[in-house]
Amino acid sequence: MIFNHFFKTIPTIVDMDLPATTAHLKMAPLERLPILEVGFSNFKNARQAAVMMLFYPKDGITHLVLIQRNTYPGVHSSQIAFPGGKVETNDLNLQETALRETEEEIGISSSTIKVIKEFTSVYIPPSNFMVFPFLGVTSSELSFTLQEDEVAGIIEVPLTTLMDDTIVLTKKITTSYANLIDVPVFQFGEHAVWGATAMMLSELKEALKKIL
């Protein structure tokens, strides 16, 4: 999609009722379903994090940025995610967390990002994090500077690819809690996106369908 059209259209999402759990269920591993049915309000002791779903122009075409995390001893090692991270004591609010972490991890100044809307939070059982996603947009062509101890690489996803239903597949994935289970994924080339990030992508995609 041409970025200029996207940039003019995306503010209409502000007043939209989000699909929330309905969209999350489409990409949730079966093991997550009981948690979705219980409701996130029951996880008051979860740690908090925030991520940025950032759209930007690349050669005039709308793209979304994802990151691949480095390999490390932890449940999210090497996974595909949105830029973001845990809340720090100096953060004024969750939006500031998402902006700060985006600048730290991929080098995009928070002053260039317009935050459009907060999306529905997702609970991640293995790490006990409640993650709050924010939709942001920048009109600038981006040059990424990676936080090398956190980020192994950048994945630039054209909006038309995200909206293509043929990239939604089921794959056998080994997770932190089970071996080779069937999991719904977004397949972006060689990269399979699953779990919490896929659930957030699903809500984003369903919301965009209504305005684009």
N, C-alpha and C. Protein backbone atom coordinates (compact mmCIF):
# COMPACT_ATOMS: atom_id res chain seq x y z
N MET A 1 0.84 -1.19 0.00
CA MET A 1 0.00 0.00 0.00
C MET A 1 0.88 1.25 0.00
N ILE A 2 0.48 2.23 -0.80
CA ILE A 2 1.19 3.51 -0.84
C ILE A 2 1.12 4.18 0.54
N PHE A 3 2.27 4.62 1.04
CA PHE A 3 2.32 5.13 2.41
C PHE A 3 1.49 6.39 2.60
N ASN A 4 1.48 7.28 1.64
CA ASN A 4 0.73 8.52 1.80
C ASN A 4 -0.75 8.24 2.07
N HIS A 5 -1.30 7.25 1.39
CA HIS A 5 -2.70 6.88 1.63
C HIS A 5 -2.86 6.29 3.03
N PHE A 6 -1.95 5.40 3.41
CA PHE A 6 -1.99 4.80 4.74
C PHE A 6 -1.92 5.88 5.83
N PHE A 7 -0.99 6.83 5.66
CA PHE A 7 -0.78 7.87 6.66
C PHE A 7 -2.03 8.73 6.85
N LYS A 8 -2.76 8.97 5.77
CA LYS A 8 -3.99 9.77 5.86
C LYS A 8 -5.14 8.97 6.48
N THR A 9 -5.12 7.65 6.28
CA THR A 9 -6.23 6.81 6.70
C THR A 9 -6.11 6.31 8.13
N ILE A 10 -4.89 6.06 8.59
CA ILE A 10 -4.69 5.37 9.87
C ILE A 10 -5.29 6.11 11.07
N PRO A 11 -5.40 7.44 11.11
CA PRO A 11 -6.03 8.07 12.28
C PRO A 11 -7.48 7.67 12.50
N THR A 12 -8.16 7.15 11.48
CA THR A 12 -9.56 6.73 11.66
C THR A 12 -9.68 5.52 12.57
N ILE A 13 -8.57 4.87 12.87
CA ILE A 13 -8.61 3.70 13.74
C ILE A 13 -8.80 4.09 15.20
N VAL A 14 -8.60 5.35 15.52
CA VAL A 14 -8.61 5.81 16.91
C VAL A 14 -9.93 5.49 17.61
N ASP A 15 -11.05 5.71 16.93
CA ASP A 15 -12.36 5.55 17.55
C ASP A 15 -12.94 4.15 17.36
N MET A 16 -12.15 3.25 16.82
CA MET A 16 -12.63 1.89 16.55
C MET A 16 -12.66 1.05 17.82
N ASP A 17 -13.71 0.21 17.95
CA ASP A 17 -13.71 -0.82 18.99
C ASP A 17 -12.83 -1.97 18.52
N LEU A 18 -11.83 -2.30 19.30
CA LEU A 18 -10.87 -3.31 18.88
C LEU A 18 -11.44 -4.71 19.02
N PRO A 19 -11.00 -5.64 18.16
CA PRO A 19 -11.52 -7.02 18.22
C PRO A 19 -11.00 -7.82 19.40
N ALA A 20 -9.91 -7.39 20.02
CA ALA A 20 -9.41 -7.95 21.27
C ALA A 20 -9.32 -9.47 21.23
N THR A 21 -9.96 -10.14 22.20
CA THR A 21 -9.83 -11.59 22.35
C THR A 21 -10.25 -12.34 21.10
N THR A 22 -11.25 -11.84 20.39
CA THR A 22 -11.70 -12.50 19.17
C THR A 22 -10.55 -12.64 18.18
N ALA A 23 -9.75 -11.61 18.04
CA ALA A 23 -8.60 -11.66 17.14
C ALA A 23 -7.46 -12.47 17.73
N HIS A 24 -7.23 -12.32 19.04
CA HIS A 24 -6.16 -13.07 19.69
C HIS A 24 -6.36 -14.58 19.55
N LEU A 25 -7.61 -15.02 19.66
CA LEU A 25 -7.91 -16.46 19.60
C LEU A 25 -7.47 -17.08 18.27
N LYS A 26 -7.48 -16.30 17.21
CA LYS A 26 -7.13 -16.84 15.89
C LYS A 26 -5.69 -17.31 15.83
N MET A 27 -4.82 -16.70 16.65
CA MET A 27 -3.40 -17.02 16.59
C MET A 27 -2.86 -17.54 17.91
N ALA A 28 -3.74 -17.89 18.82
CA ALA A 28 -3.30 -18.36 20.13
C ALA A 28 -3.04 -19.86 20.10
N PRO A 29 -1.90 -20.33 20.60
CA PRO A 29 -1.69 -21.77 20.78
C PRO A 29 -2.78 -22.34 21.68
N LEU A 30 -3.15 -23.59 21.47
CA LEU A 30 -4.23 -24.20 22.23
C LEU A 30 -4.01 -24.07 23.74
N GLU A 31 -2.74 -24.13 24.15
CA GLU A 31 -2.43 -24.05 25.57
C GLU A 31 -2.77 -22.69 26.16
N ARG A 32 -2.92 -21.68 25.30
CA ARG A 32 -3.24 -20.33 25.79
C ARG A 32 -4.74 -20.11 25.98
N LEU A 33 -5.57 -20.97 25.40
CA LEU A 33 -7.01 -20.72 25.40
C LEU A 33 -7.60 -20.60 26.80
N PRO A 34 -7.24 -21.48 27.75
CA PRO A 34 -7.81 -21.31 29.09
C PRO A 34 -7.49 -19.96 29.71
N ILE A 35 -6.30 -19.44 29.43
CA ILE A 35 -5.91 -18.13 29.98
C ILE A 35 -6.76 -17.02 29.37
N LEU A 36 -7.01 -17.11 28.05
CA LEU A 36 -7.85 -16.11 27.41
C LEU A 36 -9.26 -16.13 27.96
N GLU A 37 -9.74 -17.33 28.30
CA GLU A 37 -11.10 -17.45 28.84
C GLU A 37 -11.20 -16.89 30.25
N VAL A 38 -10.11 -17.05 31.03
CA VAL A 38 -10.10 -16.52 32.40
C VAL A 38 -10.13 -15.00 32.39
N GLY A 39 -9.40 -14.40 31.46
CA GLY A 39 -9.33 -12.94 31.39
C GLY A 39 -8.06 -12.41 32.03
N PHE A 40 -7.50 -11.38 31.43
CA PHE A 40 -6.22 -10.85 31.87
C PHE A 40 -6.29 -10.13 33.20
N SER A 41 -7.47 -9.71 33.61
CA SER A 41 -7.58 -8.97 34.86
C SER A 41 -7.20 -9.83 36.07
N ASN A 42 -7.12 -11.16 35.88
CA ASN A 42 -6.77 -12.05 36.97
C ASN A 42 -5.26 -12.16 37.18
N PHE A 43 -4.47 -11.47 36.36
CA PHE A 43 -3.02 -11.57 36.45
C PHE A 43 -2.44 -10.24 36.93
N LYS A 44 -2.89 -9.82 38.09
CA LYS A 44 -2.50 -8.51 38.62
C LYS A 44 -1.04 -8.48 39.06
N ASN A 45 -0.45 -9.63 39.31
CA ASN A 45 0.94 -9.67 39.76
C ASN A 45 1.92 -9.81 38.60
N ALA A 46 1.43 -9.77 37.37
CA ALA A 46 2.32 -9.89 36.22
C ALA A 46 3.20 -8.65 36.09
N ARG A 47 4.41 -8.87 35.60
CA ARG A 47 5.28 -7.75 35.26
C ARG A 47 4.73 -7.08 33.99
N GLN A 48 5.09 -5.82 33.80
CA GLN A 48 4.53 -5.06 32.68
C GLN A 48 5.61 -4.72 31.66
N ALA A 49 5.21 -4.81 30.39
CA ALA A 49 6.07 -4.41 29.28
C ALA A 49 5.22 -3.73 28.23
N ALA A 50 5.86 -3.00 27.33
CA ALA A 50 5.14 -2.33 26.25
C ALA A 50 5.95 -2.43 24.97
N VAL A 51 5.24 -2.56 23.85
CA VAL A 51 5.89 -2.70 22.55
C VAL A 51 5.27 -1.72 21.56
N MET A 52 6.02 -1.47 20.47
CA MET A 52 5.57 -0.53 19.44
C MET A 52 5.35 -1.26 18.12
N MET A 53 4.13 -1.16 17.60
CA MET A 53 3.79 -1.67 16.28
C MET A 53 3.96 -0.49 15.31
N LEU A 54 5.16 -0.37 14.76
CA LEU A 54 5.56 0.85 14.06
C LEU A 54 5.49 0.69 12.55
N PHE A 55 4.68 1.54 11.91
CA PHE A 55 4.59 1.60 10.46
C PHE A 55 5.40 2.79 9.95
N TYR A 56 5.95 2.62 8.75
CA TYR A 56 6.82 3.65 8.17
C TYR A 56 6.91 3.44 6.66
N PRO A 57 7.36 4.44 5.91
CA PRO A 57 7.51 4.28 4.47
C PRO A 57 8.89 3.72 4.10
N LYS A 58 8.89 2.82 3.14
CA LYS A 58 10.13 2.34 2.53
C LYS A 58 9.92 2.35 1.03
N ASP A 59 10.64 3.23 0.33
CA ASP A 59 10.43 3.44 -1.11
C ASP A 59 8.98 3.77 -1.41
N GLY A 60 8.35 4.52 -0.49
CA GLY A 60 6.98 4.98 -0.69
C GLY A 60 5.91 3.96 -0.33
N ILE A 61 6.33 2.76 0.10
CA ILE A 61 5.39 1.69 0.41
C ILE A 61 5.35 1.49 1.94
N THR A 62 4.16 1.21 2.47
CA THR A 62 3.97 1.05 3.91
C THR A 62 4.59 -0.25 4.40
N HIS A 63 5.42 -0.15 5.44
CA HIS A 63 6.06 -1.31 6.06
C HIS A 63 5.84 -1.30 7.57
N LEU A 64 5.96 -2.48 8.17
CA LEU A 64 5.91 -2.67 9.62
C LEU A 64 7.24 -3.29 10.05
N VAL A 65 7.80 -2.81 11.16
CA VAL A 65 9.09 -3.34 11.61
C VAL A 65 8.91 -4.36 12.73
N LEU A 66 9.62 -5.48 12.57
CA LEU A 66 9.75 -6.49 13.62
C LEU A 66 11.23 -6.69 13.90
N ILE A 67 11.54 -7.25 15.06
CA ILE A 67 12.92 -7.55 15.38
C ILE A 67 13.08 -9.03 15.67
N GLN A 68 14.30 -9.53 15.46
CA GLN A 68 14.64 -10.86 15.94
C GLN A 68 15.54 -10.70 17.14
N ARG A 69 15.12 -11.29 18.24
CA ARG A 69 15.89 -11.18 19.46
C ARG A 69 17.13 -12.07 19.40
N ASN A 70 18.15 -11.67 20.14
CA ASN A 70 19.38 -12.45 20.21
C ASN A 70 19.13 -13.78 20.90
N THR A 71 20.07 -14.70 20.71
CA THR A 71 20.04 -15.97 21.43
C THR A 71 20.61 -15.77 22.82
N TYR A 72 19.84 -16.20 23.82
CA TYR A 72 20.27 -16.05 25.20
C TYR A 72 19.53 -17.08 26.06
N PRO A 73 19.97 -17.33 27.27
CA PRO A 73 19.26 -18.28 28.14
C PRO A 73 17.96 -17.66 28.63
N GLY A 74 16.86 -17.94 27.98
CA GLY A 74 15.58 -17.36 28.37
C GLY A 74 14.48 -17.84 27.45
N VAL A 75 13.24 -17.62 27.87
CA VAL A 75 12.10 -18.18 27.15
C VAL A 75 11.84 -17.48 25.82
N HIS A 76 12.36 -16.26 25.63
CA HIS A 76 12.10 -15.53 24.39
C HIS A 76 13.32 -15.47 23.47
N SER A 77 14.29 -16.33 23.72
CA SER A 77 15.52 -16.36 22.92
C SER A 77 15.22 -16.58 21.45
N SER A 78 15.80 -15.71 20.60
CA SER A 78 15.74 -15.82 19.12
C SER A 78 14.36 -15.59 18.54
N GLN A 79 13.40 -15.23 19.34
CA GLN A 79 12.04 -15.05 18.82
C GLN A 79 11.90 -13.75 18.02
N ILE A 80 10.87 -13.73 17.17
CA ILE A 80 10.49 -12.52 16.44
C ILE A 80 9.52 -11.73 17.30
N ALA A 81 9.72 -10.44 17.38
CA ALA A 81 8.90 -9.62 18.28
C ALA A 81 8.79 -8.21 17.73
N PHE A 82 7.97 -7.41 18.39
CA PHE A 82 7.97 -5.97 18.17
C PHE A 82 9.07 -5.36 19.03
N PRO A 83 9.63 -4.23 18.61
CA PRO A 83 10.54 -3.53 19.51
C PRO A 83 9.80 -3.13 20.77
N GLY A 84 10.46 -3.30 21.90
CA GLY A 84 9.81 -2.98 23.17
C GLY A 84 10.48 -3.70 24.31
N GLY A 85 9.96 -3.50 25.52
CA GLY A 85 10.54 -4.14 26.67
C GLY A 85 9.83 -3.77 27.95
N LYS A 86 10.46 -4.12 29.05
CA LYS A 86 9.80 -3.97 30.35
C LYS A 86 9.75 -2.51 30.81
N VAL A 87 8.78 -2.23 31.64
CA VAL A 87 8.61 -0.90 32.22
C VAL A 87 9.76 -0.63 33.19
N GLU A 88 10.32 0.56 33.09
CA GLU A 88 11.35 1.02 34.02
C GLU A 88 10.76 2.05 34.97
N THR A 89 11.39 2.22 36.12
CA THR A 89 10.82 3.09 37.15
C THR A 89 10.71 4.54 36.69
N ASN A 90 11.56 4.96 35.76
CA ASN A 90 11.52 6.36 35.31
C ASN A 90 10.49 6.61 34.22
N ASP A 91 9.87 5.58 33.69
CA ASP A 91 8.86 5.76 32.64
C ASP A 91 7.61 6.39 33.23
N LEU A 92 7.10 7.40 32.56
CA LEU A 92 5.90 8.08 33.04
C LEU A 92 4.66 7.22 32.86
N ASN A 93 4.65 6.42 31.78
CA ASN A 93 3.50 5.58 31.47
C ASN A 93 3.93 4.50 30.49
N LEU A 94 3.00 3.64 30.12
CA LEU A 94 3.31 2.52 29.23
C LEU A 94 3.68 2.99 27.83
N GLN A 95 3.04 4.05 27.36
CA GLN A 95 3.39 4.59 26.05
C GLN A 95 4.85 5.04 26.02
N GLU A 96 5.28 5.68 27.09
CA GLU A 96 6.67 6.12 27.14
C GLU A 96 7.62 4.93 27.15
N THR A 97 7.20 3.84 27.79
CA THR A 97 8.01 2.62 27.77
C THR A 97 8.20 2.13 26.35
N ALA A 98 7.11 2.06 25.60
CA ALA A 98 7.18 1.58 24.21
C ALA A 98 8.08 2.47 23.36
N LEU A 99 7.95 3.78 23.53
CA LEU A 99 8.77 4.71 22.76
C LEU A 99 10.24 4.62 23.15
N ARG A 100 10.51 4.57 24.45
CA ARG A 100 11.89 4.50 24.93
C ARG A 100 12.57 3.22 24.45
N GLU A 101 11.87 2.11 24.58
CA GLU A 101 12.45 0.83 24.19
C GLU A 101 12.67 0.75 22.67
N THR A 102 11.78 1.35 21.90
CA THR A 102 11.95 1.37 20.45
C THR A 102 13.21 2.15 20.08
N GLU A 103 13.41 3.28 20.75
CA GLU A 103 14.61 4.07 20.47
C GLU A 103 15.87 3.31 20.89
N GLU A 104 15.82 2.65 22.03
CA GLU A 104 16.99 1.92 22.51
C GLU A 104 17.32 0.72 21.63
N GLU A 105 16.30 -0.01 21.20
CA GLU A 105 16.53 -1.28 20.51
C GLU A 105 16.83 -1.12 19.02
N ILE A 106 16.15 -0.16 18.36
CA ILE A 106 16.36 -0.04 16.91
C ILE A 106 16.76 1.36 16.47
N GLY A 107 16.98 2.26 17.42
CA GLY A 107 17.54 3.56 17.11
C GLY A 107 16.61 4.55 16.46
N ILE A 108 15.30 4.39 16.63
CA ILE A 108 14.34 5.33 16.06
C ILE A 108 13.90 6.31 17.14
N SER A 109 14.20 7.56 16.95
CA SER A 109 13.90 8.58 17.95
C SER A 109 12.41 8.65 18.25
N SER A 110 12.09 8.70 19.53
CA SER A 110 10.68 8.79 19.94
C SER A 110 10.02 10.05 19.43
N SER A 111 10.81 11.08 19.17
CA SER A 111 10.24 12.35 18.69
C SER A 111 9.70 12.25 17.27
N THR A 112 10.10 11.20 16.54
CA THR A 112 9.64 11.04 15.15
C THR A 112 8.42 10.14 15.04
N ILE A 113 8.01 9.54 16.16
CA ILE A 113 6.91 8.57 16.14
C ILE A 113 5.63 9.20 16.67
N LYS A 114 4.57 9.11 15.89
CA LYS A 114 3.25 9.53 16.34
C LYS A 114 2.50 8.30 16.83
N VAL A 115 2.16 8.27 18.09
CA VAL A 115 1.40 7.14 18.64
C VAL A 115 -0.07 7.34 18.33
N ILE A 116 -0.65 6.35 17.67
CA ILE A 116 -2.03 6.46 17.22
C ILE A 116 -3.02 5.88 18.22
N LYS A 117 -2.71 4.68 18.74
CA LYS A 117 -3.70 4.01 19.58
C LYS A 117 -3.03 2.90 20.39
N GLU A 118 -3.51 2.69 21.60
CA GLU A 118 -3.11 1.52 22.39
C GLU A 118 -4.01 0.35 22.02
N PHE A 119 -3.41 -0.81 21.82
CA PHE A 119 -4.17 -2.02 21.51
C PHE A 119 -4.33 -2.88 22.76
N THR A 120 -4.95 -4.03 22.60
CA THR A 120 -5.30 -4.89 23.74
C THR A 120 -4.07 -5.62 24.27
N SER A 121 -3.90 -5.62 25.58
CA SER A 121 -2.76 -6.27 26.20
C SER A 121 -2.84 -7.79 26.05
N VAL A 122 -1.67 -8.42 26.09
CA VAL A 122 -1.54 -9.87 25.97
C VAL A 122 -0.68 -10.37 27.12
N TYR A 123 -1.16 -11.42 27.78
CA TYR A 123 -0.41 -12.02 28.88
C TYR A 123 0.48 -13.15 28.35
N ILE A 124 1.76 -13.17 28.79
CA ILE A 124 2.70 -14.20 28.37
C ILE A 124 3.02 -15.07 29.58
N PRO A 125 2.43 -16.26 29.65
CA PRO A 125 2.61 -17.11 30.85
C PRO A 125 4.05 -17.49 31.17
N PRO A 126 4.89 -17.92 30.20
CA PRO A 126 6.23 -18.40 30.58
C PRO A 126 7.09 -17.36 31.29
N SER A 127 6.91 -16.09 30.94
CA SER A 127 7.73 -15.04 31.56
C SER A 127 6.93 -14.15 32.52
N ASN A 128 5.62 -14.44 32.66
CA ASN A 128 4.74 -13.68 33.55
C ASN A 128 4.76 -12.19 33.24
N PHE A 129 4.67 -11.85 31.95
CA PHE A 129 4.59 -10.46 31.53
C PHE A 129 3.22 -10.17 30.93
N MET A 130 2.67 -9.02 31.28
CA MET A 130 1.54 -8.45 30.56
C MET A 130 2.11 -7.41 29.61
N VAL A 131 1.88 -7.62 28.31
CA VAL A 131 2.48 -6.77 27.29
C VAL A 131 1.40 -5.86 26.69
N PHE A 132 1.71 -4.57 26.64
CA PHE A 132 0.78 -3.56 26.14
C PHE A 132 1.30 -3.03 24.80
N PRO A 133 0.60 -3.32 23.70
CA PRO A 133 1.05 -2.86 22.38
C PRO A 133 0.48 -1.50 22.01
N PHE A 134 1.31 -0.69 21.35
CA PHE A 134 0.89 0.62 20.86
C PHE A 134 1.12 0.67 19.35
N LEU A 135 0.16 1.24 18.65
CA LEU A 135 0.29 1.46 17.21
C LEU A 135 0.91 2.83 16.99
N GLY A 136 2.03 2.85 16.27
CA GLY A 136 2.70 4.10 15.97
C GLY A 136 3.01 4.22 14.49
N VAL A 137 3.25 5.44 14.06
CA VAL A 137 3.58 5.67 12.65
C VAL A 137 4.59 6.82 12.56
N THR A 138 5.50 6.69 11.61
CA THR A 138 6.42 7.78 11.32
C THR A 138 6.43 8.00 9.82
N SER A 139 6.49 9.24 9.42
CA SER A 139 6.48 9.57 7.99
C SER A 139 7.88 9.56 7.39
N SER A 140 8.89 9.24 8.23
CA SER A 140 10.28 9.28 7.77
C SER A 140 10.73 7.92 7.25
N GLU A 141 11.56 7.93 6.23
CA GLU A 141 12.30 6.72 5.87
C GLU A 141 13.24 6.40 7.03
N LEU A 142 13.34 5.12 7.39
CA LEU A 142 14.07 4.77 8.61
C LEU A 142 15.44 4.18 8.32
N SER A 143 16.37 4.52 9.19
CA SER A 143 17.68 3.90 9.21
C SER A 143 17.87 3.33 10.61
N PHE A 144 17.99 2.02 10.70
CA PHE A 144 17.98 1.35 11.99
C PHE A 144 19.40 1.23 12.58
N THR A 145 19.48 1.46 13.88
CA THR A 145 20.70 1.22 14.64
C THR A 145 20.35 0.23 15.74
N LEU A 146 20.89 -0.98 15.66
CA LEU A 146 20.46 -2.05 16.55
C LEU A 146 21.21 -2.02 17.88
N GLN A 147 20.48 -2.32 18.93
CA GLN A 147 21.08 -2.56 20.24
C GLN A 147 21.59 -4.00 20.21
N GLU A 148 22.87 -4.18 19.93
CA GLU A 148 23.38 -5.48 19.53
C GLU A 148 23.28 -6.55 20.61
N ASP A 149 23.26 -6.16 21.87
CA ASP A 149 23.15 -7.18 22.91
C ASP A 149 21.71 -7.68 23.06
N GLU A 150 20.74 -6.99 22.43
CA GLU A 150 19.34 -7.38 22.52
C GLU A 150 18.78 -7.86 21.18
N VAL A 151 19.22 -7.24 20.10
CA VAL A 151 18.57 -7.43 18.80
C VAL A 151 19.55 -8.02 17.80
N ALA A 152 19.15 -9.15 17.20
CA ALA A 152 20.01 -9.81 16.21
C ALA A 152 19.75 -9.31 14.80
N GLY A 153 18.54 -8.81 14.53
CA GLY A 153 18.24 -8.37 13.18
C GLY A 153 16.89 -7.70 13.08
N ILE A 154 16.66 -7.09 11.92
CA ILE A 154 15.42 -6.37 11.62
C ILE A 154 14.67 -7.13 10.52
N ILE A 155 13.35 -7.19 10.66
CA ILE A 155 12.49 -7.77 9.63
C ILE A 155 11.51 -6.68 9.20
N GLU A 156 11.59 -6.29 7.93
CA GLU A 156 10.72 -5.24 7.39
C GLU A 156 9.59 -5.91 6.60
N VAL A 157 8.37 -5.75 7.09
CA VAL A 157 7.22 -6.44 6.53
C VAL A 157 6.34 -5.46 5.77
N PRO A 158 6.20 -5.61 4.46
CA PRO A 158 5.25 -4.77 3.73
C PRO A 158 3.82 -4.99 4.26
N LEU A 159 3.05 -3.92 4.33
CA LEU A 159 1.68 -4.05 4.81
C LEU A 159 0.88 -5.04 3.97
N THR A 160 1.12 -5.07 2.66
CA THR A 160 0.38 -6.01 1.81
C THR A 160 0.68 -7.45 2.19
N THR A 161 1.89 -7.73 2.66
CA THR A 161 2.23 -9.08 3.11
C THR A 161 1.48 -9.42 4.39
N LEU A 162 1.44 -8.50 5.34
CA LEU A 162 0.70 -8.74 6.58
C LEU A 162 -0.77 -9.05 6.30
N MET A 163 -1.36 -8.36 5.33
CA MET A 163 -2.78 -8.51 5.05
C MET A 163 -3.11 -9.73 4.19
N ASP A 164 -2.09 -10.44 3.73
CA ASP A 164 -2.27 -11.63 2.90
C ASP A 164 -2.59 -12.84 3.78
N ASP A 165 -3.78 -13.39 3.66
CA ASP A 165 -4.19 -14.51 4.52
C ASP A 165 -3.41 -15.79 4.27
N THR A 166 -2.74 -15.90 3.14
CA THR A 166 -2.01 -17.14 2.83
C THR A 166 -0.74 -17.30 3.67
N ILE A 167 -0.32 -16.25 4.38
CA ILE A 167 0.88 -16.38 5.20
C ILE A 167 0.56 -16.92 6.59
N VAL A 168 -0.72 -17.14 6.90
CA VAL A 168 -1.12 -17.73 8.18
C VAL A 168 -1.13 -19.24 8.03
N LEU A 169 -0.24 -19.91 8.77
CA LEU A 169 -0.05 -21.35 8.66
C LEU A 169 -0.10 -21.98 10.05
N THR A 170 -0.09 -23.30 10.07
CA THR A 170 0.09 -24.04 11.32
C THR A 170 1.40 -24.81 11.22
N LYS A 171 2.27 -24.62 12.23
CA LYS A 171 3.56 -25.30 12.25
C LYS A 171 3.77 -25.98 13.58
N LYS A 172 4.62 -26.98 13.58
CA LYS A 172 5.00 -27.62 14.83
C LYS A 172 6.18 -26.85 15.43
N ILE A 173 5.97 -26.34 16.64
CA ILE A 173 6.95 -25.50 17.30
C ILE A 173 7.30 -26.11 18.66
N THR A 174 8.56 -26.06 19.02
CA THR A 174 8.98 -26.43 20.37
C THR A 174 9.03 -25.15 21.20
N THR A 175 8.23 -25.12 22.25
CA THR A 175 8.12 -23.94 23.09
C THR A 175 8.79 -24.20 24.44
N SER A 176 8.71 -23.22 25.32
CA SER A 176 9.28 -23.38 26.65
C SER A 176 8.48 -24.34 27.51
N TYR A 177 7.25 -24.66 27.06
CA TYR A 177 6.39 -25.51 27.87
C TYR A 177 5.94 -26.79 27.17
N ALA A 178 6.31 -26.99 25.91
CA ALA A 178 5.89 -28.20 25.19
C ALA A 178 6.77 -28.41 23.96
N ASN A 179 6.90 -29.67 23.56
CA ASN A 179 7.71 -30.02 22.40
C ASN A 179 6.84 -30.30 21.19
N LEU A 180 7.16 -29.66 20.08
CA LEU A 180 6.54 -29.93 18.77
C LEU A 180 5.02 -29.95 18.85
N ILE A 181 4.47 -28.82 19.27
CA ILE A 181 3.02 -28.67 19.28
C ILE A 181 2.58 -27.86 18.07
N ASP A 182 1.35 -28.06 17.62
CA ASP A 182 0.81 -27.31 16.50
C ASP A 182 0.48 -25.89 16.95
N VAL A 183 1.06 -24.93 16.26
CA VAL A 183 0.91 -23.52 16.63
C VAL A 183 0.60 -22.71 15.37
N PRO A 184 -0.40 -21.82 15.43
CA PRO A 184 -0.64 -20.92 14.29
C PRO A 184 0.47 -19.88 14.20
N VAL A 185 0.93 -19.60 12.98
CA VAL A 185 2.03 -18.66 12.80
C VAL A 185 1.74 -17.73 11.62
N PHE A 186 2.34 -16.55 11.66
CA PHE A 186 2.50 -15.71 10.48
C PHE A 186 3.86 -16.07 9.89
N GLN A 187 3.88 -16.50 8.64
CA GLN A 187 5.14 -16.89 8.00
C GLN A 187 5.61 -15.77 7.10
N PHE A 188 6.59 -15.01 7.57
CA PHE A 188 7.18 -13.92 6.79
C PHE A 188 8.50 -14.42 6.22
N GLY A 189 8.45 -14.99 5.02
CA GLY A 189 9.66 -15.57 4.44
C GLY A 189 10.15 -16.71 5.30
N GLU A 190 11.40 -16.62 5.76
CA GLU A 190 11.97 -17.68 6.59
C GLU A 190 11.60 -17.52 8.07
N HIS A 191 10.90 -16.46 8.42
CA HIS A 191 10.62 -16.15 9.81
C HIS A 191 9.18 -16.53 10.17
N ALA A 192 9.04 -17.37 11.19
CA ALA A 192 7.72 -17.74 11.71
C ALA A 192 7.45 -16.94 12.98
N VAL A 193 6.34 -16.22 12.99
CA VAL A 193 5.97 -15.39 14.14
C VAL A 193 4.79 -16.05 14.83
N TRP A 194 4.93 -16.35 16.11
CA TRP A 194 3.89 -17.07 16.84
C TRP A 194 3.78 -16.51 18.26
N GLY A 195 2.88 -17.08 19.02
CA GLY A 195 2.72 -16.67 20.41
C GLY A 195 2.15 -15.27 20.56
N ALA A 196 2.63 -14.55 21.55
CA ALA A 196 2.06 -13.24 21.88
C ALA A 196 2.18 -12.25 20.73
N THR A 197 3.31 -12.27 20.03
CA THR A 197 3.48 -11.34 18.91
C THR A 197 2.48 -11.64 17.80
N ALA A 198 2.25 -12.92 17.51
CA ALA A 198 1.25 -13.28 16.50
C ALA A 198 -0.15 -12.87 16.94
N MET A 199 -0.44 -12.98 18.22
CA MET A 199 -1.76 -12.58 18.72
C MET A 199 -1.96 -11.07 18.56
N MET A 200 -0.91 -10.30 18.85
CA MET A 200 -1.00 -8.85 18.66
C MET A 200 -1.11 -8.49 17.18
N LEU A 201 -0.35 -9.19 16.34
CA LEU A 201 -0.45 -8.97 14.90
C LEU A 201 -1.85 -9.27 14.39
N SER A 202 -2.47 -10.30 14.95
CA SER A 202 -3.82 -10.67 14.52
C SER A 202 -4.82 -9.56 14.81
N GLU A 203 -4.73 -8.98 16.01
CA GLU A 203 -5.64 -7.87 16.32
C GLU A 203 -5.36 -6.67 15.43
N LEU A 204 -4.08 -6.38 15.21
CA LEU A 204 -3.73 -5.28 14.32
C LEU A 204 -4.29 -5.50 12.93
N LYS A 205 -4.12 -6.70 12.40
CA LYS A 205 -4.61 -7.01 11.06
C LYS A 205 -6.12 -6.89 10.96
N GLU A 206 -6.84 -7.43 11.95
CA GLU A 206 -8.30 -7.37 11.92
C GLU A 206 -8.79 -5.92 12.00
N ALA A 207 -8.10 -5.11 12.79
CA ALA A 207 -8.49 -3.69 12.88
C ALA A 207 -8.22 -2.98 11.56
N LEU A 208 -7.08 -3.25 10.93
CA LEU A 208 -6.75 -2.59 9.66
C LEU A 208 -7.71 -2.98 8.56
N LYS A 209 -8.21 -4.20 8.60
CA LYS A 209 -9.18 -4.63 7.58
C LYS A 209 -10.40 -3.72 7.52
N LYS A 210 -10.74 -3.12 8.63
CA LYS A 210 -11.95 -2.32 8.72
C LYS A 210 -11.79 -0.91 8.17
N ILE A 211 -10.53 -0.47 7.98
CA ILE A 211 -10.33 0.91 7.55
C ILE A 211 -9.59 1.06 6.23
N LEU A 212 -8.93 -0.01 5.78
CA LEU A 212 -8.11 0.12 4.57
C LEU A 212 -8.84 -0.43 3.35
